[in-house]
Amino acid sequence: MRYGFFVLLTFTLIGCASTKKEGKNPFDALTLERILVVGKTAQSDIVKEFGSPNVVAKSSKKGQVWTYTRMSSSSSDSYGQVGLSALGAVAGLWFLPSASIGGGSATQSSNSMDLVLIFNEKHLLSDYSVVQTKY
């Protein structure tokens, strides 16, 4: 009887497990504030920090527009299920009927962040914006 209690307790603790995964914000405000200085930050500084841009286009003022896109996602799963199947004696002559209690939930969300950088003809940062989308 004592072993049955410990088995039930073990299944209960395992069955009520929860997992959560969350991505980190690739363009946090402190990093952007430290790196992006209008009129001073050069394109080479940006490449060192963020790597190559996803999109490069010409601006209307003889400069360039760089766009960086970063995706992150988060998910949370929670399941609370306890189940016992036929537990029998060593001789296999008697069985405990199966019982089950269940439930669970799962949620997911995605984030998209676009960093748009505008450079002048001297390859210095002239303006930038961050667009964040959650879905």
Protein backbone atom coordinates (compact mmCIF):
# COMPACT_ATOMS: atom_id res chain seq x y z
CA MET A 1 0.00 0.00 0.00
CA ARG A 2 2.86 2.36 0.82
CA TYR A 3 4.42 1.81 -2.62
CA GLY A 4 1.10 2.53 -4.33
CA PHE A 5 0.92 5.90 -2.58
CA PHE A 6 4.44 6.85 -3.72
CA VAL A 7 3.67 5.76 -7.29
CA LEU A 8 0.50 7.86 -7.29
CA LEU A 9 2.39 10.84 -5.84
CA THR A 10 5.13 10.51 -8.47
CA PHE A 11 2.61 10.41 -11.33
CA THR A 12 0.81 13.42 -9.87
CA LEU A 13 3.98 15.51 -9.71
CA ILE A 14 5.09 14.50 -13.20
CA GLY A 15 1.60 14.98 -14.64
CA CYS A 16 1.31 18.54 -13.36
CA ALA A 17 4.51 19.73 -15.01
CA SER A 18 4.63 23.05 -16.80
CA THR A 19 7.08 24.27 -19.41
CA LYS A 20 7.70 27.80 -20.64
CA LYS A 21 10.00 29.01 -23.39
CA GLU A 22 10.47 32.67 -24.17
CA GLY A 23 12.67 34.49 -26.63
CA LYS A 24 14.79 37.50 -25.71
CA ASN A 25 14.12 40.94 -27.14
CA PRO A 26 16.79 41.42 -29.82
CA PHE A 27 16.55 45.25 -29.82
CA ASP A 28 16.15 46.21 -26.19
CA ALA A 29 15.98 49.93 -25.39
CA LEU A 30 19.26 50.07 -23.46
CA THR A 31 21.26 48.51 -26.30
CA LEU A 32 19.70 50.81 -28.89
CA GLU A 33 20.30 53.88 -26.72
CA ARG A 34 23.94 52.93 -26.24
CA ILE A 35 24.68 52.21 -29.90
CA LEU A 36 22.42 54.46 -31.97
CA VAL A 37 23.56 58.09 -31.86
CA VAL A 38 22.16 60.23 -34.66
CA GLY A 39 24.94 62.00 -36.57
CA LYS A 40 27.73 59.88 -34.98
CA THR A 41 27.04 56.15 -35.42
CA ALA A 42 28.60 54.79 -38.62
CA GLN A 43 27.33 51.92 -40.73
CA SER A 44 30.41 49.88 -39.74
CA ASP A 45 29.46 50.21 -36.04
CA ILE A 46 25.99 48.88 -36.81
CA VAL A 47 27.37 45.88 -38.72
CA LYS A 48 29.67 45.04 -35.77
CA GLU A 49 26.74 45.07 -33.35
CA PHE A 50 23.86 43.57 -35.38
CA GLY A 51 25.51 41.91 -38.38
CA SER A 52 24.37 42.41 -41.96
CA PRO A 53 20.93 43.97 -42.46
CA ASN A 54 18.03 41.97 -43.87
CA VAL A 55 17.14 44.69 -46.40
CA VAL A 56 19.21 47.54 -47.89
CA ALA A 57 17.52 50.25 -49.98
CA LYS A 58 18.38 53.71 -51.26
CA SER A 59 16.88 56.66 -49.43
CA SER A 60 15.49 59.71 -51.18
CA LYS A 61 18.43 61.83 -49.91
CA LYS A 62 21.37 59.91 -51.46
CA GLY A 63 21.79 57.71 -48.40
CA GLN A 64 20.68 54.20 -47.51
CA VAL A 65 17.90 52.62 -45.48
CA TRP A 66 18.77 49.42 -43.62
CA THR A 67 16.16 47.15 -42.09
CA TYR A 68 16.80 44.46 -39.49
CA THR A 69 14.00 42.02 -38.70
CA ARG A 70 14.10 39.79 -35.65
CA MET A 71 11.50 37.21 -34.67
CA SER A 72 10.94 35.71 -31.27
CA SER A 73 8.27 33.49 -29.81
CA SER A 74 7.04 32.30 -26.48
CA SER A 75 5.01 29.28 -25.53
CA SER A 76 3.59 27.91 -22.34
CA ASP A 77 2.26 24.41 -21.79
CA SER A 78 0.57 23.24 -18.63
CA TYR A 79 -0.85 19.79 -18.18
CA GLY A 80 -2.35 18.28 -15.05
CA GLN A 81 -3.19 14.67 -15.62
CA VAL A 82 -3.12 11.77 -13.21
CA GLY A 83 -3.79 8.30 -14.49
CA LEU A 84 -3.55 4.79 -13.16
CA SER A 85 -3.85 1.76 -15.35
CA ALA A 86 -4.22 -1.79 -14.17
CA LEU A 87 -1.87 -2.15 -11.21
CA GLY A 88 -1.64 -5.76 -10.18
CA ALA A 89 -0.08 -7.94 -7.58
CA VAL A 90 3.06 -9.89 -8.32
CA ALA A 91 0.93 -12.98 -8.87
CA GLY A 92 -1.26 -11.00 -11.28
CA LEU A 93 -4.50 -12.20 -9.69
CA TRP A 94 -6.04 -8.85 -8.67
CA PHE A 95 -6.15 -5.46 -10.33
CA LEU A 96 -6.92 -1.91 -9.30
CA PRO A 97 -9.30 -0.36 -11.83
CA SER A 98 -7.89 2.53 -13.85
CA ALA A 99 -8.73 6.10 -12.89
CA SER A 100 -7.85 9.34 -14.63
CA ILE A 101 -8.08 13.05 -13.91
CA GLY A 102 -6.98 15.31 -16.75
CA GLY A 103 -6.71 18.82 -18.02
CA GLY A 104 -4.26 21.10 -19.71
CA SER A 105 -3.64 24.21 -21.70
CA ALA A 106 -1.17 25.59 -24.19
CA THR A 107 -0.55 29.15 -25.36
CA GLN A 108 1.77 30.55 -28.02
CA SER A 109 2.66 34.05 -29.16
CA SER A 110 5.11 35.52 -31.64
CA ASN A 111 6.87 38.86 -31.75
CA SER A 112 8.36 40.62 -34.74
CA MET A 113 10.68 43.59 -34.33
CA ASP A 114 11.90 45.71 -37.22
CA LEU A 115 14.76 48.15 -36.74
CA VAL A 116 14.83 50.68 -39.59
CA LEU A 117 18.01 52.76 -39.86
CA ILE A 118 18.44 55.72 -42.22
CA PHE A 119 21.97 56.76 -43.17
CA ASN A 120 23.11 59.93 -44.92
CA GLU A 121 25.56 60.12 -47.83
CA LYS A 122 28.49 60.10 -45.34
CA HIS A 123 27.33 56.68 -44.02
CA LEU A 124 26.33 58.14 -40.64
CA LEU A 125 23.02 57.46 -38.90
CA SER A 126 20.51 60.23 -39.58
CA ASP A 127 17.34 58.63 -38.11
CA TYR A 128 15.93 55.31 -36.92
CA SER A 129 12.72 53.66 -35.76
CA VAL A 130 11.66 50.41 -34.13
CA VAL A 131 8.40 48.71 -35.10
CA GLN A 132 7.14 45.92 -32.84
CA THR A 133 4.32 43.53 -33.72
CA LYS A 134 2.85 40.89 -31.40
CA TYR A 135 0.53 38.16 -32.55
